[in-house]
Amino acid sequence: MISIESTQASHHLSKFQLDIQILCMTTEFITLDLPQPTDPGQLIPLITKALEKYGTPLRWAITELPGPGQIRVEAVVTVIHPQSISQ
């Protein structure tokens, strides 16, 4: 919170308070192991939903099949970290 004080002509003191919030954005590289769905039509929604737990997916790729019924996904996600400034 930032306080600004000003004196008016009548010597009345006014106080204004401003709440300032800054949004910091980072990009992160993540790797996930997920179960391979039996229905191929569910693959993209499964991956997207899993990635959204970490941020907003920018790009992703299936990079490996580590075991039967498993897929490995590597992705870049954007994460927004709100920060407040107070004084």
PDB file of N, CA and C in Angstrom:
ATOM      1  N   MET A   1       0.854  -1.158   0.000  1.00  0.00           N
ATOM      2  CA  MET A   1       0.000   0.000   0.000  1.00  0.00           C
ATOM      3  C   MET A   1       0.904   1.225   0.000  1.00  0.00           C
ATOM      4  N   ILE A   2       0.603   2.180  -0.829  1.00  0.00           N
ATOM      5  CA  ILE A   2       1.371   3.414  -0.921  1.00  0.00           C
ATOM      6  C   ILE A   2       0.493   4.557  -0.440  1.00  0.00           C
ATOM      7  N   SER A   3       1.021   5.355   0.463  1.00  0.00           N
ATOM      8  CA  SER A   3       0.272   6.507   0.975  1.00  0.00           C
ATOM      9  C   SER A   3       0.805   7.770   0.327  1.00  0.00           C
ATOM     10  N   ILE A   4      -0.109   8.612  -0.086  1.00  0.00           N
ATOM     11  CA  ILE A   4       0.246   9.910  -0.656  1.00  0.00           C
ATOM     12  C   ILE A   4      -0.494  10.965   0.155  1.00  0.00           C
ATOM     13  N   GLU A   5       0.249  11.896   0.683  1.00  0.00           N
ATOM     14  CA  GLU A   5      -0.368  12.955   1.468  1.00  0.00           C
ATOM     15  C   GLU A   5      -0.267  14.268   0.703  1.00  0.00           C
ATOM     16  N   SER A   6      -1.328  15.035   0.730  1.00  0.00           N
ATOM     17  CA  SER A   6      -1.306  16.336   0.067  1.00  0.00           C
ATOM     18  C   SER A   6      -2.006  17.365   0.953  1.00  0.00           C
ATOM     19  N   THR A   7      -1.478  18.551   0.927  1.00  0.00           N
ATOM     20  CA  THR A   7      -2.074  19.646   1.692  1.00  0.00           C
ATOM     21  C   THR A   7      -2.814  20.549   0.727  1.00  0.00           C
ATOM     22  N   GLN A   8      -4.077  20.784   1.003  1.00  0.00           N
ATOM     23  CA  GLN A   8      -4.881  21.642   0.150  1.00  0.00           C
ATOM     24  C   GLN A   8      -4.804  23.075   0.677  1.00  0.00           C
ATOM     25  N   ALA A   9      -5.384  24.033  -0.053  1.00  0.00           N
ATOM     26  CA  ALA A   9      -5.319  25.461   0.304  1.00  0.00           C
ATOM     27  C   ALA A   9      -5.875  25.723   1.696  1.00  0.00           C
ATOM     28  N   SER A  10      -6.840  24.951   2.137  1.00  0.00           N
ATOM     29  CA  SER A  10      -7.435  25.175   3.458  1.00  0.00           C
ATOM     30  C   SER A  10      -6.639  24.468   4.556  1.00  0.00           C
ATOM     31  N   HIS A  11      -5.458  23.977   4.232  1.00  0.00           N
ATOM     32  CA  HIS A  11      -4.595  23.256   5.155  1.00  0.00           C
ATOM     33  C   HIS A  11      -5.235  21.960   5.650  1.00  0.00           C
ATOM     34  N   HIS A  12      -6.171  21.470   4.887  1.00  0.00           N
ATOM     35  CA  HIS A  12      -6.780  20.180   5.194  1.00  0.00           C
ATOM     36  C   HIS A  12      -5.880  19.098   4.627  1.00  0.00           C
ATOM     37  N   LEU A  13      -5.562  18.113   5.413  1.00  0.00           N
ATOM     38  CA  LEU A  13      -4.663  17.050   4.983  1.00  0.00           C
ATOM     39  C   LEU A  13      -5.495  15.880   4.452  1.00  0.00           C
ATOM     40  N   SER A  14      -5.248  15.531   3.216  1.00  0.00           N
ATOM     41  CA  SER A  14      -5.938  14.392   2.607  1.00  0.00           C
ATOM     42  C   SER A  14      -4.936  13.253   2.460  1.00  0.00           C
ATOM     43  N   LYS A  15      -5.403  12.056   2.647  1.00  0.00           N
ATOM     44  CA  LYS A  15      -4.530  10.892   2.527  1.00  0.00           C
ATOM     45  C   LYS A  15      -5.158   9.922   1.523  1.00  0.00           C
ATOM     46  N   PHE A  16      -4.367   9.516   0.546  1.00  0.00           N
ATOM     47  CA  PHE A  16      -4.815   8.576  -0.468  1.00  0.00           C
ATOM     48  C   PHE A  16      -4.005   7.297  -0.313  1.00  0.00           C
ATOM     49  N   GLN A  17      -4.640   6.181  -0.425  1.00  0.00           N
ATOM     50  CA  GLN A  17      -3.929   4.913  -0.367  1.00  0.00           C
ATOM     51  C   GLN A  17      -4.155   4.176  -1.683  1.00  0.00           C
ATOM     52  N   LEU A  18      -3.067   3.662  -2.243  1.00  0.00           N
ATOM     53  CA  LEU A  18      -3.144   2.934  -3.491  1.00  0.00           C
ATOM     54  C   LEU A  18      -2.697   1.495  -3.265  1.00  0.00           C
ATOM     55  N   ASP A  19      -3.474   0.569  -3.721  1.00  0.00           N
ATOM     56  CA  ASP A  19      -3.063  -0.824  -3.716  1.00  0.00           C
ATOM     57  C   ASP A  19      -2.505  -1.131  -5.093  1.00  0.00           C
ATOM     58  N   ILE A  20      -1.283  -1.589  -5.139  1.00  0.00           N
ATOM     59  CA  ILE A  20      -0.648  -1.903  -6.413  1.00  0.00           C
ATOM     60  C   ILE A  20      -0.327  -3.383  -6.432  1.00  0.00           C
ATOM     61  N   GLN A  21      -0.731  -4.029  -7.502  1.00  0.00           N
ATOM     62  CA  GLN A  21      -0.424  -5.446  -7.665  1.00  0.00           C
ATOM     63  C   GLN A  21       0.343  -5.626  -8.964  1.00  0.00           C
ATOM     64  N   ILE A  22       1.455  -6.325  -8.871  1.00  0.00           N
ATOM     65  CA  ILE A  22       2.303  -6.586 -10.028  1.00  0.00           C
ATOM     66  C   ILE A  22       2.163  -8.050 -10.396  1.00  0.00           C
ATOM     67  N   LEU A  23       2.026  -8.326 -11.686  1.00  0.00           N
ATOM     68  CA  LEU A  23       1.949  -9.696 -12.156  1.00  0.00           C
ATOM     69  C   LEU A  23       3.280 -10.071 -12.789  1.00  0.00           C
ATOM     70  N   CYS A  24       3.958 -11.035 -12.195  1.00  0.00           N
ATOM     71  CA  CYS A  24       5.223 -11.518 -12.736  1.00  0.00           C
ATOM     72  C   CYS A  24       4.944 -12.810 -13.486  1.00  0.00           C
ATOM     73  N   MET A  25       5.443 -12.901 -14.691  1.00  0.00           N
ATOM     74  CA  MET A  25       5.209 -14.076 -15.516  1.00  0.00           C
ATOM     75  C   MET A  25       6.538 -14.795 -15.727  1.00  0.00           C
ATOM     76  N   THR A  26       6.519 -16.108 -15.523  1.00  0.00           N
ATOM     77  CA  THR A  26       7.697 -16.920 -15.792  1.00  0.00           C
ATOM     78  C   THR A  26       7.311 -18.047 -16.741  1.00  0.00           C
ATOM     79  N   THR A  27       8.280 -18.536 -17.457  1.00  0.00           N
ATOM     80  CA  THR A  27       8.068 -19.729 -18.271  1.00  0.00           C
ATOM     81  C   THR A  27       8.867 -20.851 -17.636  1.00  0.00           C
ATOM     82  N   GLU A  28       8.263 -22.018 -17.589  1.00  0.00           N
ATOM     83  CA  GLU A  28       8.891 -23.163 -16.952  1.00  0.00           C
ATOM     84  C   GLU A  28       8.830 -24.373 -17.864  1.00  0.00           C
ATOM     85  N   PHE A  29       9.876 -25.182 -17.809  1.00  0.00           N
ATOM     86  CA  PHE A  29       9.941 -26.435 -18.552  1.00  0.00           C
ATOM     87  C   PHE A  29       9.585 -27.555 -17.582  1.00  0.00           C
ATOM     88  N   ILE A  30       8.592 -28.378 -17.951  1.00  0.00           N
ATOM     89  CA  ILE A  30       8.192 -29.471 -17.069  1.00  0.00           C
ATOM     90  C   ILE A  30       8.126 -30.786 -17.847  1.00  0.00           C
ATOM     91  N   THR A  31       8.259 -31.862 -17.118  1.00  0.00           N
ATOM     92  CA  THR A  31       8.134 -33.211 -17.670  1.00  0.00           C
ATOM     93  C   THR A  31       7.101 -33.953 -16.837  1.00  0.00           C
ATOM     94  N   LEU A  32       6.151 -34.595 -17.499  1.00  0.00           N
ATOM     95  CA  LEU A  32       5.102 -35.351 -16.805  1.00  0.00           C
ATOM     96  C   LEU A  32       5.036 -36.765 -17.364  1.00  0.00           C
ATOM     97  N   ASP A  33       4.817 -37.734 -16.498  1.00  0.00           N
ATOM     98  CA  ASP A  33       4.479 -39.096 -16.911  1.00  0.00           C
ATOM     99  C   ASP A  33       2.992 -39.279 -16.659  1.00  0.00           C
ATOM    100  N   LEU A  34       2.275 -39.644 -17.705  1.00  0.00           N
ATOM    101  CA  LEU A  34       0.826 -39.770 -17.625  1.00  0.00           C
ATOM    102  C   LEU A  34       0.391 -41.134 -18.126  1.00  0.00           C
ATOM    103  N   PRO A  35      -0.794 -41.590 -17.688  1.00  0.00           N
ATOM    104  CA  PRO A  35      -1.322 -42.839 -18.236  1.00  0.00           C
ATOM    105  C   PRO A  35      -1.799 -42.617 -19.674  1.00  0.00           C
ATOM    106  N   GLN A  36      -1.547 -43.581 -20.515  1.00  0.00           N
ATOM    107  CA  GLN A  36      -2.000 -43.482 -21.903  1.00  0.00           C
ATOM    108  C   GLN A  36      -3.474 -43.867 -21.950  1.00  0.00           C
ATOM    109  N   PRO A  37      -4.332 -42.990 -22.445  1.00  0.00           N
ATOM    110  CA  PRO A  37      -5.760 -43.320 -22.484  1.00  0.00           C
ATOM    111  C   PRO A  37      -6.043 -44.398 -23.531  1.00  0.00           C
ATOM    112  N   THR A  38      -7.068 -45.198 -23.276  1.00  0.00           N
ATOM    113  CA  THR A  38      -7.443 -46.233 -24.237  1.00  0.00           C
ATOM    114  C   THR A  38      -8.076 -45.636 -25.488  1.00  0.00           C
ATOM    115  N   ASP A  39      -8.733 -44.484 -25.324  1.00  0.00           N
ATOM    116  CA  ASP A  39      -9.349 -43.785 -26.458  1.00  0.00           C
ATOM    117  C   ASP A  39      -8.393 -42.692 -26.936  1.00  0.00           C
ATOM    118  N   PRO A  40      -7.846 -42.786 -28.150  1.00  0.00           N
ATOM    119  CA  PRO A  40      -6.914 -41.768 -28.643  1.00  0.00           C
ATOM    120  C   PRO A  40      -7.517 -40.359 -28.681  1.00  0.00           C
ATOM    121  N   GLY A  41      -8.815 -40.242 -28.780  1.00  0.00           N
ATOM    122  CA  GLY A  41      -9.478 -38.944 -28.788  1.00  0.00           C
ATOM    123  C   GLY A  41      -9.373 -38.224 -27.452  1.00  0.00           C
ATOM    124  N   GLN A  42      -9.037 -38.948 -26.400  1.00  0.00           N
ATOM    125  CA  GLN A  42      -8.904 -38.350 -25.073  1.00  0.00           C
ATOM    126  C   GLN A  42      -7.479 -37.913 -24.756  1.00  0.00           C
ATOM    127  N   LEU A  43      -6.544 -38.177 -25.670  1.00  0.00           N
ATOM    128  CA  LEU A  43      -5.133 -37.883 -25.418  1.00  0.00           C
ATOM    129  C   LEU A  43      -4.864 -36.384 -25.221  1.00  0.00           C
ATOM    130  N   ILE A  44      -5.312 -35.566 -26.151  1.00  0.00           N
ATOM    131  CA  ILE A  44      -5.058 -34.120 -26.054  1.00  0.00           C
ATOM    132  C   ILE A  44      -5.747 -33.511 -24.833  1.00  0.00           C
ATOM    133  N   PRO A  45      -7.030 -33.808 -24.568  1.00  0.00           N
ATOM    134  CA  PRO A  45      -7.642 -33.252 -23.352  1.00  0.00           C
ATOM    135  C   PRO A  45      -6.941 -33.706 -22.062  1.00  0.00           C
ATOM    136  N   LEU A  46      -6.463 -34.963 -22.021  1.00  0.00           N
ATOM    137  CA  LEU A  46      -5.756 -35.461 -20.844  1.00  0.00           C
ATOM    138  C   LEU A  46      -4.468 -34.682 -20.606  1.00  0.00           C
ATOM    139  N   ILE A  47      -3.693 -34.483 -21.660  1.00  0.00           N
ATOM    140  CA  ILE A  47      -2.426 -33.767 -21.547  1.00  0.00           C
ATOM    141  C   ILE A  47      -2.662 -32.300 -21.170  1.00  0.00           C
ATOM    142  N   THR A  48      -3.602 -31.665 -21.851  1.00  0.00           N
ATOM    143  CA  THR A  48      -3.892 -30.249 -21.588  1.00  0.00           C
ATOM    144  C   THR A  48      -4.335 -30.032 -20.142  1.00  0.00           C
ATOM    145  N   LYS A  49      -5.225 -30.881 -19.659  1.00  0.00           N
ATOM    146  CA  LYS A  49      -5.721 -30.751 -18.285  1.00  0.00           C
ATOM    147  C   LYS A  49      -4.598 -30.951 -17.273  1.00  0.00           C
ATOM    148  N   ALA A  50      -3.727 -31.910 -17.517  1.00  0.00           N
ATOM    149  CA  ALA A  50      -2.603 -32.158 -16.602  1.00  0.00           C
ATOM    150  C   ALA A  50      -1.637 -30.972 -16.592  1.00  0.00           C
ATOM    151  N   LEU A  51      -1.369 -30.394 -17.761  1.00  0.00           N
ATOM    152  CA  LEU A  51      -0.450 -29.262 -17.841  1.00  0.00           C
ATOM    153  C   LEU A  51      -1.022 -28.001 -17.198  1.00  0.00           C
ATOM    154  N   GLU A  52      -2.321 -27.806 -17.294  1.00  0.00           N
ATOM    155  CA  GLU A  52      -2.954 -26.612 -16.726  1.00  0.00           C
ATOM    156  C   GLU A  52      -2.837 -26.556 -15.210  1.00  0.00           C
ATOM    157  N   LYS A  53      -2.511 -27.667 -14.556  1.00  0.00           N
ATOM    158  CA  LYS A  53      -2.280 -27.654 -13.113  1.00  0.00           C
ATOM    159  C   LYS A  53      -0.999 -26.900 -12.780  1.00  0.00           C
ATOM    160  N   TYR A  54      -0.113 -26.754 -13.766  1.00  0.00           N
ATOM    161  CA  TYR A  54       1.181 -26.097 -13.563  1.00  0.00           C
ATOM    162  C   TYR A  54       1.245 -24.694 -14.161  1.00  0.00           C
ATOM    163  N   GLY A  55       0.338 -24.367 -15.065  1.00  0.00           N
ATOM    164  CA  GLY A  55       0.331 -23.060 -15.719  1.00  0.00           C
ATOM    165  C   GLY A  55      -0.400 -23.149 -17.042  1.00  0.00           C
ATOM    166  N   THR A  56      -0.184 -22.152 -17.890  1.00  0.00           N
ATOM    167  CA  THR A  56      -0.804 -22.134 -19.216  1.00  0.00           C
ATOM    168  C   THR A  56       0.162 -22.782 -20.203  1.00  0.00           C
ATOM    169  N   PRO A  57      -0.241 -23.907 -20.822  1.00  0.00           N
ATOM    170  CA  PRO A  57       0.669 -24.580 -21.751  1.00  0.00           C
ATOM    171  C   PRO A  57       0.940 -23.741 -23.000  1.00  0.00           C
ATOM    172  N   LEU A  58       2.219 -23.593 -23.338  1.00  0.00           N
ATOM    173  CA  LEU A  58       2.609 -22.905 -24.569  1.00  0.00           C
ATOM    174  C   LEU A  58       2.879 -23.928 -25.673  1.00  0.00           C
ATOM    175  N   ARG A  59       3.710 -24.910 -25.349  1.00  0.00           N
ATOM    176  CA  ARG A  59       4.036 -25.994 -26.286  1.00  0.00           C
ATOM    177  C   ARG A  59       4.261 -27.262 -25.492  1.00  0.00           C
ATOM    178  N   TRP A  60       3.925 -28.375 -26.113  1.00  0.00           N
ATOM    179  CA  TRP A  60       4.197 -29.655 -25.474  1.00  0.00           C
ATOM    180  C   TRP A  60       4.416 -30.712 -26.541  1.00  0.00           C
ATOM    181  N   ALA A  61       5.045 -31.819 -26.122  1.00  0.00           N
ATOM    182  CA  ALA A  61       5.286 -32.939 -27.030  1.00  0.00           C
ATOM    183  C   ALA A  61       5.358 -34.228 -26.218  1.00  0.00           C
ATOM    184  N   ILE A  62       4.877 -35.306 -26.815  1.00  0.00           N
ATOM    185  CA  ILE A  62       5.084 -36.633 -26.231  1.00  0.00           C
ATOM    186  C   ILE A  62       6.491 -37.048 -26.654  1.00  0.00           C
ATOM    187  N   THR A  63       7.366 -37.241 -25.688  1.00  0.00           N
ATOM    188  CA  THR A  63       8.774 -37.490 -26.001  1.00  0.00           C
ATOM    189  C   THR A  63       9.191 -38.937 -25.800  1.00  0.00           C
ATOM    190  N   GLU A  64       8.378 -39.697 -25.065  1.00  0.00           N
ATOM    191  CA  GLU A  64       8.793 -41.063 -24.773  1.00  0.00           C
ATOM    192  C   GLU A  64       7.602 -41.891 -24.319  1.00  0.00           C
ATOM    193  N   LEU A  65       7.699 -43.183 -24.519  1.00  0.00           N
ATOM    194  CA  LEU A  65       6.749 -44.143 -23.961  1.00  0.00           C
ATOM    195  C   LEU A  65       7.548 -44.974 -22.950  1.00  0.00           C
ATOM    196  N   PRO A  66       7.618 -44.515 -21.689  1.00  0.00           N
ATOM    197  CA  PRO A  66       8.511 -45.137 -20.717  1.00  0.00           C
ATOM    198  C   PRO A  66       8.118 -46.550 -20.295  1.00  0.00           C
ATOM    199  N   GLY A  67       6.896 -46.913 -20.492  1.00  0.00           N
ATOM    200  CA  GLY A  67       6.436 -48.245 -20.118  1.00  0.00           C
ATOM    201  C   GLY A  67       5.082 -48.509 -20.735  1.00  0.00           C
ATOM    202  N   PRO A  68       4.598 -49.726 -20.622  1.00  0.00           N
ATOM    203  CA  PRO A  68       3.276 -50.038 -21.175  1.00  0.00           C
ATOM    204  C   PRO A  68       2.187 -49.160 -20.561  1.00  0.00           C
ATOM    205  N   GLY A  69       1.418 -48.532 -21.414  1.00  0.00           N
ATOM    206  CA  GLY A  69       0.311 -47.688 -20.949  1.00  0.00           C
ATOM    207  C   GLY A  69       0.744 -46.353 -20.371  1.00  0.00           C
ATOM    208  N   GLN A  70       1.977 -45.939 -20.606  1.00  0.00           N
ATOM    209  CA  GLN A  70       2.481 -44.676 -20.070  1.00  0.00           C
ATOM    210  C   GLN A  70       2.998 -43.794 -21.204  1.00  0.00           C
ATOM    211  N   ILE A  71       2.854 -42.484 -21.025  1.00  0.00           N
ATOM    212  CA  ILE A  71       3.443 -41.517 -21.959  1.00  0.00           C
ATOM    213  C   ILE A  71       4.221 -40.478 -21.156  1.00  0.00           C
ATOM    214  N   ARG A  72       5.285 -39.977 -21.726  1.00  0.00           N
ATOM    215  CA  ARG A  72       6.056 -38.892 -21.101  1.00  0.00           C
ATOM    216  C   ARG A  72       5.863 -37.648 -21.957  1.00  0.00           C
ATOM    217  N   VAL A  73       5.498 -36.565 -21.306  1.00  0.00           N
ATOM    218  CA  VAL A  73       5.233 -35.295 -21.975  1.00  0.00           C
ATOM    219  C   VAL A  73       6.221 -34.267 -21.464  1.00  0.00           C
ATOM    220  N   GLU A  74       6.851 -33.552 -22.377  1.00  0.00           N
ATOM    221  CA  GLU A  74       7.691 -32.411 -22.024  1.00  0.00           C
ATOM    222  C   GLU A  74       6.981 -31.163 -22.522  1.00  0.00           C
ATOM    223  N   ALA A  75       6.980 -30.128 -21.695  1.00  0.00           N
ATOM    224  CA  ALA A  75       6.193 -28.944 -22.032  1.00  0.00           C
ATOM    225  C   ALA A  75       6.831 -27.672 -21.494  1.00  0.00           C
ATOM    226  N   VAL A  76       6.443 -26.572 -22.117  1.00  0.00           N
ATOM    227  CA  VAL A  76       6.765 -25.236 -21.631  1.00  0.00           C
ATOM    228  C   VAL A  76       5.433 -24.601 -21.242  1.00  0.00           C
ATOM    229  N   VAL A  77       5.364 -24.125 -19.983  1.00  0.00           N
ATOM    230  CA  VAL A  77       4.144 -23.482 -19.493  1.00  0.00           C
ATOM    231  C   VAL A  77       4.476 -22.088 -18.979  1.00  0.00           C
ATOM    232  N   THR A  78       3.491 -21.221 -19.032  1.00  0.00           N
ATOM    233  CA  THR A  78       3.608 -19.875 -18.481  1.00  0.00           C
ATOM    234  C   THR A  78       2.909 -19.854 -17.129  1.00  0.00           C
ATOM    235  N   VAL A  79       3.593 -19.310 -16.130  1.00  0.00           N
ATOM    236  CA  VAL A  79       3.040 -19.213 -14.787  1.00  0.00           C
ATOM    237  C   VAL A  79       3.000 -17.737 -14.396  1.00  0.00           C
ATOM    238  N   ILE A  80       1.855 -17.300 -13.872  1.00  0.00           N
ATOM    239  CA  ILE A  80       1.700 -15.915 -13.430  1.00  0.00           C
ATOM    240  C   ILE A  80       1.705 -15.894 -11.916  1.00  0.00           C
ATOM    241  N   HIS A  81       2.586 -15.055 -11.348  1.00  0.00           N
ATOM    242  CA  HIS A  81       2.735 -14.928  -9.901  1.00  0.00           C
ATOM    243  C   HIS A  81       2.333 -13.505  -9.493  1.00  0.00           C
ATOM    244  N   PRO A  82       1.126 -13.316  -8.944  1.00  0.00           N
ATOM    245  CA  PRO A  82       0.757 -11.963  -8.503  1.00  0.00           C
ATOM    246  C   PRO A  82       1.544 -11.581  -7.243  1.00  0.00           C
ATOM    247  N   GLN A  83       1.990 -10.331  -7.194  1.00  0.00           N
ATOM    248  CA  GLN A  83       2.710  -9.808  -6.045  1.00  0.00           C
ATOM    249  C   GLN A  83       2.135  -8.449  -5.691  1.00  0.00           C
ATOM    250  N   SER A  84       1.924  -8.233  -4.415  1.00  0.00           N
ATOM    251  CA  SER A  84       1.400  -6.942  -3.945  1.00  0.00           C
ATOM    252  C   SER A  84       2.547  -6.104  -3.398  1.00  0.00           C
ATOM    253  N   ILE A  85       2.451  -4.807  -3.616  1.00  0.00           N
ATOM    254  CA  ILE A  85       3.412  -3.858  -3.063  1.00  0.00           C
ATOM    255  C   ILE A  85       2.691  -3.101  -1.956  1.00  0.00           C
ATOM    256  N   SER A  86       3.282  -3.104  -0.783  1.00  0.00           N
ATOM    257  CA  SER A  86       2.662  -2.354   0.314  1.00  0.00           C
ATOM    258  C   SER A  86       3.746  -1.598   1.078  1.00  0.00           C
ATOM    259  N   GLN A  87       3.377  -0.426   1.536  1.00  0.00           N
ATOM    260  CA  GLN A  87       4.274   0.410   2.332  1.00  0.00           C
ATOM    261  C   GLN A  87       3.503   1.034   3.463  1.00  0.00           C
TER     262      GLN A  87
END
